[in-house]
Amino acid sequence: MPALRVPKREAEPVKRMLKKLGLYDGKRRPKREGEFVLLPVIEDPLLHSLGYEVLPSELPLRPERQLYKNLESVLAGRLSEDELKHLRRYDIVGDIAVIQVPRELSHRVDDIVWGLRKVHPFIRVVAQKGFHEGAFRIREYSIIWGERRLETVHRENGVQIKVDLSKAFFNPRMKGERYRLAQLVQDGERILIPFAGVLPYALVIARYKRAKITAVELNREAYELGLENIELNRERLKGEIEFIHGDVFDVLPELPTHDRVISPTPRGVDALALTLGRAEKWLHYYDFVHEADVGAFRTKIMDACAMLGRECGVRVKKVSDFKPHVFKVCADVGLR
């Protein structure tokens, strides 16, 4: 069976690319060889156009429980074809599975819990999510199986992140995006992160780069969890994190400019001018945009740069789906 030989530093982004192309073989494990990683792939002529060496390799198979299979395939024998169509995407946060059960499947909750435990045998809690409430984007949750808690330690990108879903917002779907930004950062950069939450962006960047990071968060409980996370990862971090408790709109005007600003902006908040004014070289600005308004969003950023007397280049990247025709996007803004 073939394997793609890639430099170790490129393994994660290449793995994500292979998955998007449908070329990654999830039934086998990758293998490290010195400064390279052998990634298991499916035989396809396209492999030879990717710019990496393709080798024959007997990579070990994963245990059956670790195979890449989805909840739908596991439940195919229990739910009807029509019921399967109503399954929603779910999240895994540490050892908590977070799901949304539509009313069409309310009588199938026990089957769904069984399926989740089959696919993810390490989970200890299954929680159903409700609506976001309040200024801090905290969801309501009801625990439908397992231990009566919403606190856990989530592992991603080489760091541990203590989270309490009842107290602080956390999005596990941004794992790849956090890694992407960490790879863009250069050692020695000064980075500012408003709306920092429990510090997922700061921790991942500090894990890989010797950067000096200033993070700001208003939610006191998220701030305290973030301080715990700095200590939890102290021995893993290359960079330094200064964490400030306060309102971004009060704190940022008092801070100096930074090489790079990363703004995981809450929905409905406009912090574009504020964050642009604190960025010397780069701003990564997140927002929620209708597909018909992506061009207008880019123009808005260009106009805001002009208002500050700056020239900029803007690349708008779709990060995730939010609702039909509306996406969470990141504008990578290069400033001159």
Protein backbone atom coordinates (compact mmCIF):
# COMPACT_ATOMS: atom_id res chain seq x y z
CA MET A 1 0.00 0.00 0.00
CA PRO A 2 1.31 3.52 -0.75
CA ALA A 3 2.38 6.21 1.69
CA LEU A 4 3.23 9.88 1.17
CA ARG A 5 6.59 10.94 2.63
CA VAL A 6 6.36 14.51 3.94
CA PRO A 7 8.51 16.69 6.24
CA LYS A 8 7.35 16.44 9.85
CA ARG A 9 6.46 20.17 10.01
CA GLU A 10 4.09 19.75 7.05
CA ALA A 11 2.40 16.53 8.20
CA GLU A 12 -0.77 18.03 9.71
CA PRO A 13 -1.69 20.41 6.85
CA VAL A 14 -0.90 17.72 4.25
CA LYS A 15 -3.02 15.22 6.17
CA ARG A 16 -5.96 17.67 6.14
CA MET A 17 -5.48 18.22 2.40
CA LEU A 18 -5.45 14.47 1.73
CA LYS A 19 -8.70 14.05 3.67
CA LYS A 20 -10.35 16.79 1.62
CA LEU A 21 -9.20 15.06 -1.57
CA GLY A 22 -10.46 11.69 -0.34
CA LEU A 23 -6.95 10.22 -0.54
CA TYR A 24 -6.20 9.62 3.15
CA ASP A 25 -6.36 5.99 4.30
CA GLY A 26 -7.81 6.18 7.81
CA LYS A 27 -7.54 2.43 8.33
CA ARG A 28 -3.75 2.66 8.73
CA ARG A 29 -1.56 4.62 11.11
CA PRO A 30 1.01 7.23 10.01
CA LYS A 31 4.62 6.53 10.94
CA ARG A 32 7.50 8.88 11.80
CA GLU A 33 10.90 8.36 10.17
CA GLY A 34 13.40 10.89 11.50
CA GLU A 35 12.40 14.33 10.20
CA PHE A 36 9.73 12.86 7.93
CA VAL A 37 6.29 11.30 8.39
CA LEU A 38 4.80 8.54 6.24
CA LEU A 39 1.11 9.27 5.72
CA PRO A 40 -1.15 6.35 4.66
CA VAL A 41 -2.90 7.08 1.36
CA ILE A 42 -5.18 5.37 -1.13
CA GLU A 43 -3.73 4.41 -4.51
CA ASP A 44 -4.57 7.17 -6.99
CA PRO A 45 -2.70 8.85 -9.90
CA LEU A 46 -3.35 12.23 -8.27
CA LEU A 47 -0.84 11.37 -5.52
CA HIS A 48 2.06 11.88 -7.90
CA SER A 49 1.03 15.46 -8.66
CA LEU A 50 1.18 16.65 -5.04
CA GLY A 51 4.94 17.23 -4.96
CA TYR A 52 5.80 14.59 -2.35
CA GLU A 53 7.51 11.23 -2.64
CA VAL A 54 5.12 8.26 -2.90
CA LEU A 55 6.53 5.07 -1.37
CA PRO A 56 5.28 1.51 -0.86
CA SER A 57 4.90 1.01 2.89
CA GLU A 58 3.31 -1.58 5.17
CA LEU A 59 1.92 0.87 7.72
CA PRO A 60 0.14 -0.76 10.70
CA LEU A 61 -3.64 -1.01 10.75
CA ARG A 62 -5.60 0.85 13.41
CA PRO A 63 -7.60 -1.16 15.97
CA GLU A 64 -11.20 -1.64 14.80
CA ARG A 65 -12.60 0.92 17.25
CA GLN A 66 -10.30 3.62 15.84
CA LEU A 67 -11.36 3.27 12.22
CA TYR A 68 -12.74 6.42 10.60
CA LYS A 69 -16.43 5.67 10.64
CA ASN A 70 -19.27 8.03 11.29
CA LEU A 71 -22.29 7.85 13.51
CA GLU A 72 -24.60 7.31 10.55
CA SER A 73 -22.83 4.10 9.50
CA VAL A 74 -22.94 2.73 13.05
CA LEU A 75 -26.65 3.47 13.42
CA ALA A 76 -27.61 2.16 9.98
CA GLY A 77 -28.82 -1.10 11.51
CA ARG A 78 -30.94 0.60 14.16
CA LEU A 79 -32.46 3.66 12.50
CA SER A 80 -34.52 3.77 9.34
CA GLU A 81 -33.23 5.47 6.22
CA ASP A 82 -35.57 8.39 6.82
CA GLU A 83 -34.46 8.73 10.46
CA LEU A 84 -30.79 8.73 9.47
CA LYS A 85 -31.40 11.83 7.35
CA HIS A 86 -32.24 13.79 10.51
CA LEU A 87 -28.94 13.09 12.31
CA ARG A 88 -27.06 16.30 13.11
CA ARG A 89 -23.37 16.97 13.33
CA TYR A 90 -21.96 16.58 16.84
CA ASP A 91 -18.81 17.74 18.67
CA ILE A 92 -16.38 15.99 20.96
CA VAL A 93 -14.94 18.20 23.71
CA GLY A 94 -12.54 16.21 25.85
CA ASP A 95 -14.60 13.25 27.04
CA ILE A 96 -17.95 15.00 26.41
CA ALA A 97 -20.04 14.42 23.30
CA VAL A 98 -22.20 17.45 22.46
CA ILE A 99 -25.20 16.68 20.27
CA GLN A 100 -28.44 18.18 19.04
CA VAL A 101 -31.39 15.78 18.81
CA PRO A 102 -34.16 17.02 16.48
CA ARG A 103 -37.73 16.24 17.47
CA GLU A 104 -37.92 13.65 14.64
CA LEU A 105 -35.38 11.56 16.61
CA SER A 106 -36.53 12.29 20.17
CA HIS A 107 -37.64 8.64 20.49
CA ARG A 108 -34.17 7.47 19.37
CA VAL A 109 -32.02 9.15 22.03
CA ASP A 110 -30.89 5.85 23.57
CA ASP A 111 -29.83 4.56 20.13
CA ILE A 112 -27.89 7.74 19.41
CA VAL A 113 -26.09 7.53 22.76
CA TRP A 114 -25.25 3.88 22.01
CA GLY A 115 -23.85 4.88 18.61
CA LEU A 116 -21.73 7.69 20.06
CA ARG A 117 -20.27 5.34 22.66
CA LYS A 118 -19.52 2.81 19.92
CA VAL A 119 -17.65 5.37 17.80
CA HIS A 120 -16.03 7.16 20.76
CA PRO A 121 -15.60 4.64 23.61
CA PHE A 122 -13.71 7.18 25.75
CA ILE A 123 -16.68 9.55 26.24
CA ARG A 124 -18.10 9.85 29.75
CA VAL A 125 -20.84 12.45 29.13
CA VAL A 126 -23.39 13.03 26.37
CA ALA A 127 -24.90 16.52 26.51
CA GLN A 128 -27.61 18.00 24.33
CA LYS A 129 -27.02 21.63 23.40
CA GLY A 130 -29.60 24.37 23.62
CA PHE A 131 -29.39 28.03 22.64
CA HIS A 132 -26.63 30.56 23.20
CA GLU A 133 -27.46 32.96 26.00
CA GLY A 134 -25.96 36.22 27.24
CA ALA A 135 -23.02 38.35 26.19
CA PHE A 136 -20.51 35.51 26.66
CA ARG A 137 -22.15 33.11 24.13
CA ILE A 138 -22.73 30.41 26.76
CA ARG A 139 -25.06 27.63 25.64
CA GLU A 140 -27.61 25.84 27.74
CA TYR A 141 -26.96 22.09 28.00
CA SER A 142 -28.88 19.11 29.32
CA ILE A 143 -26.98 15.95 30.18
CA ILE A 144 -28.72 12.94 28.69
CA TRP A 145 -26.19 10.25 29.59
CA GLY A 146 -23.19 9.79 31.86
CA GLU A 147 -21.56 11.85 34.58
CA ARG A 148 -23.33 15.01 35.71
CA ARG A 149 -20.70 17.53 34.64
CA LEU A 150 -19.77 19.88 31.80
CA GLU A 151 -16.13 20.35 32.80
CA THR A 152 -13.43 18.45 30.93
CA VAL A 153 -9.90 18.68 29.57
CA HIS A 154 -9.81 18.89 25.78
CA ARG A 155 -6.65 17.87 23.94
CA GLU A 156 -5.66 19.34 20.58
CA ASN A 157 -2.55 20.42 18.71
CA GLY A 158 -0.24 19.30 21.52
CA VAL A 159 -1.92 21.26 24.34
CA GLN A 160 -4.49 20.55 27.05
CA ILE A 161 -7.40 22.96 27.41
CA LYS A 162 -9.55 22.88 30.53
CA VAL A 163 -13.11 23.80 29.57
CA ASP A 164 -16.40 24.18 31.42
CA LEU A 165 -19.13 24.39 28.80
CA SER A 166 -21.56 25.85 31.35
CA LYS A 167 -19.25 28.81 32.03
CA ALA A 168 -17.22 29.62 28.92
CA PHE A 169 -17.56 29.44 25.14
CA PHE A 170 -15.33 26.91 23.36
CA ASN A 171 -15.42 25.69 19.76
CA PRO A 172 -13.54 22.43 19.08
CA ARG A 173 -14.17 22.80 15.33
CA MET A 174 -11.50 25.52 15.16
CA LYS A 175 -8.70 23.04 15.87
CA GLY A 176 -7.37 23.17 12.30
CA GLU A 177 -7.70 26.95 12.14
CA ARG A 178 -5.73 27.39 15.34
CA TYR A 179 -2.97 25.18 13.94
CA ARG A 180 -2.99 27.16 10.67
CA LEU A 181 -2.41 30.43 12.51
CA ALA A 182 0.32 28.90 14.66
CA GLN A 183 2.19 27.95 11.49
CA LEU A 184 1.91 31.50 10.13
CA VAL A 185 3.47 33.03 13.24
CA GLN A 186 7.22 33.60 13.31
CA ASP A 187 9.41 33.27 16.41
CA GLY A 188 9.78 36.63 18.12
CA GLU A 189 6.41 38.06 17.05
CA ARG A 190 4.27 40.15 19.40
CA ILE A 191 0.68 38.92 19.16
CA LEU A 192 -2.56 40.37 20.50
CA ILE A 193 -5.67 38.19 20.93
CA PRO A 194 -8.91 39.91 22.01
CA PHE A 195 -11.98 37.80 22.89
CA ALA A 196 -9.48 35.16 24.01
CA GLY A 197 -11.83 32.84 25.93
CA VAL A 198 -10.06 30.02 27.78
CA LEU A 199 -6.97 30.70 25.59
CA PRO A 200 -7.18 28.02 22.86
CA TYR A 201 -5.56 30.25 20.19
CA ALA A 202 -2.90 31.56 22.55
CA LEU A 203 -1.98 28.11 23.86
CA VAL A 204 -1.62 26.51 20.42
CA ILE A 205 0.53 29.38 19.13
CA ALA A 206 2.70 29.38 22.25
CA ARG A 207 3.08 25.61 21.94
CA TYR A 208 4.82 25.95 18.57
CA LYS A 209 6.37 29.43 18.45
CA ARG A 210 8.50 31.62 20.70
CA ALA A 211 6.04 34.49 20.53
CA LYS A 212 5.01 37.05 23.14
CA ILE A 213 1.23 36.90 23.36
CA THR A 214 -1.15 39.34 25.06
CA ALA A 215 -4.70 38.01 25.42
CA VAL A 216 -7.82 39.83 26.67
CA GLU A 217 -11.08 38.33 27.98
CA LEU A 218 -14.06 39.86 29.80
CA ASN A 219 -15.75 36.69 31.12
CA ARG A 220 -14.28 36.21 34.60
CA GLU A 221 -14.86 32.43 34.61
CA ALA A 222 -13.25 32.00 31.19
CA TYR A 223 -10.34 34.16 32.39
CA GLU A 224 -9.81 31.97 35.47
CA LEU A 225 -9.93 28.80 33.34
CA GLY A 226 -7.39 30.41 31.00
CA LEU A 227 -5.01 31.04 33.90
CA GLU A 228 -5.35 27.37 34.85
CA ASN A 229 -4.60 26.40 31.26
CA ILE A 230 -1.37 28.40 31.23
CA GLU A 231 -0.20 26.44 34.28
CA LEU A 232 -1.51 23.15 32.89
CA ASN A 233 0.65 23.58 29.78
CA ARG A 234 3.60 25.44 31.30
CA GLU A 235 6.20 22.83 30.36
CA ARG A 236 4.88 22.52 26.78
CA LEU A 237 4.92 26.20 25.83
CA LYS A 238 7.70 27.88 23.88
CA GLY A 239 6.01 31.27 23.92
CA GLU A 240 4.86 33.60 26.72
CA ILE A 241 1.24 34.49 27.46
CA GLU A 242 0.10 37.59 29.33
CA PHE A 243 -3.61 37.34 30.14
CA ILE A 244 -5.65 40.46 30.90
CA HIS A 245 -9.16 40.41 32.39
CA GLY A 246 -11.23 43.26 30.96
CA ASP A 247 -13.43 44.61 28.19
CA VAL A 248 -11.66 44.53 24.82
CA PHE A 249 -13.11 47.94 23.93
CA ASP A 250 -11.60 49.45 27.09
CA VAL A 251 -8.31 47.55 27.17
CA LEU A 252 -7.14 47.60 23.53
CA PRO A 253 -6.95 51.41 23.16
CA GLU A 254 -4.52 51.41 26.09
CA LEU A 255 -2.24 48.76 24.57
CA PRO A 256 0.61 49.29 22.08
CA THR A 257 0.40 47.96 18.54
CA HIS A 258 1.42 44.35 17.89
CA ASP A 259 2.93 42.54 14.91
CA ARG A 260 -0.16 40.36 14.57
CA VAL A 261 -3.70 40.61 15.93
CA ILE A 262 -5.98 37.54 15.98
CA SER A 263 -9.63 38.42 16.64
CA PRO A 264 -12.04 35.47 17.11
CA THR A 265 -14.83 38.04 17.14
CA PRO A 266 -18.16 37.04 18.72
CA ARG A 267 -21.15 37.06 16.38
CA GLY A 268 -22.82 40.45 16.27
CA VAL A 269 -19.76 42.35 17.53
CA ASP A 270 -17.97 44.84 15.28
CA ALA A 271 -14.35 45.19 16.38
CA LEU A 272 -12.83 45.73 12.93
CA ALA A 273 -11.61 49.31 13.34
CA LEU A 274 -10.42 48.61 16.89
CA THR A 275 -8.35 45.55 15.94
CA LEU A 276 -7.00 47.09 12.72
CA GLY A 277 -5.70 49.97 14.78
CA ARG A 278 -3.67 47.62 16.96
CA ALA A 279 -2.09 45.61 14.10
CA GLU A 280 1.25 46.50 12.53
CA LYS A 281 1.62 43.69 9.97
CA TRP A 282 -1.26 41.23 10.15
CA LEU A 283 -4.87 41.05 11.32
CA HIS A 284 -6.83 37.79 11.28
CA TYR A 285 -10.43 38.87 11.72
CA TYR A 286 -13.30 36.39 12.15
CA ASP A 287 -16.91 37.17 11.30
CA PHE A 288 -20.14 35.55 10.13
CA VAL A 289 -20.97 36.41 6.52
CA HIS A 290 -23.68 35.46 4.04
CA GLU A 291 -22.26 33.92 0.87
CA ALA A 292 -23.69 36.82 -1.18
CA ASP A 293 -21.88 39.36 1.02
CA VAL A 294 -18.30 38.05 0.96
CA GLY A 295 -17.25 40.67 -1.59
CA ALA A 296 -18.87 43.43 0.44
CA PHE A 297 -17.12 42.15 3.58
CA ARG A 298 -13.76 42.35 1.82
CA THR A 299 -14.54 45.88 0.59
CA LYS A 300 -15.53 46.90 4.13
CA ILE A 301 -12.09 45.85 5.37
CA MET A 302 -10.30 47.66 2.53
CA ASP A 303 -12.30 50.83 3.35
CA ALA A 304 -11.47 50.52 7.06
CA CYS A 305 -7.76 50.26 6.19
CA ALA A 306 -8.03 53.37 4.00
CA MET A 307 -9.70 55.26 6.85
CA LEU A 308 -6.60 54.55 8.94
CA GLY A 309 -4.30 55.62 6.10
CA ARG A 310 -3.05 52.07 5.60
CA GLU A 311 -2.71 49.91 2.50
CA CYS A 312 -3.75 46.29 2.87
CA GLY A 313 -4.28 43.03 1.06
CA VAL A 314 -7.28 40.94 2.10
CA ARG A 315 -7.90 37.22 1.66
CA VAL A 316 -11.24 35.95 2.95
CA LYS A 317 -11.22 32.27 3.90
CA LYS A 318 -14.29 30.19 4.71
CA VAL A 319 -13.69 28.50 8.05
CA SER A 320 -16.94 26.64 8.76
CA ASP A 321 -20.65 26.50 8.00
CA PHE A 322 -22.87 28.43 10.39
CA LYS A 323 -26.34 28.10 8.88
CA PRO A 324 -27.62 27.78 5.30
CA HIS A 325 -25.71 30.21 3.07
CA VAL A 326 -23.95 31.82 6.06
CA PHE A 327 -20.33 30.99 6.90
CA LYS A 328 -17.84 31.74 9.61
CA VAL A 329 -14.95 33.33 7.75
CA CYS A 330 -11.48 34.60 8.51
CA ALA A 331 -10.10 37.66 6.77
CA ASP A 332 -6.31 37.46 6.62
CA VAL A 333 -5.35 41.14 6.31
CA GLY A 334 -1.77 42.02 5.41
CA LEU A 335 -0.96 45.63 6.35
CA ARG A 336 1.63 47.94 4.87
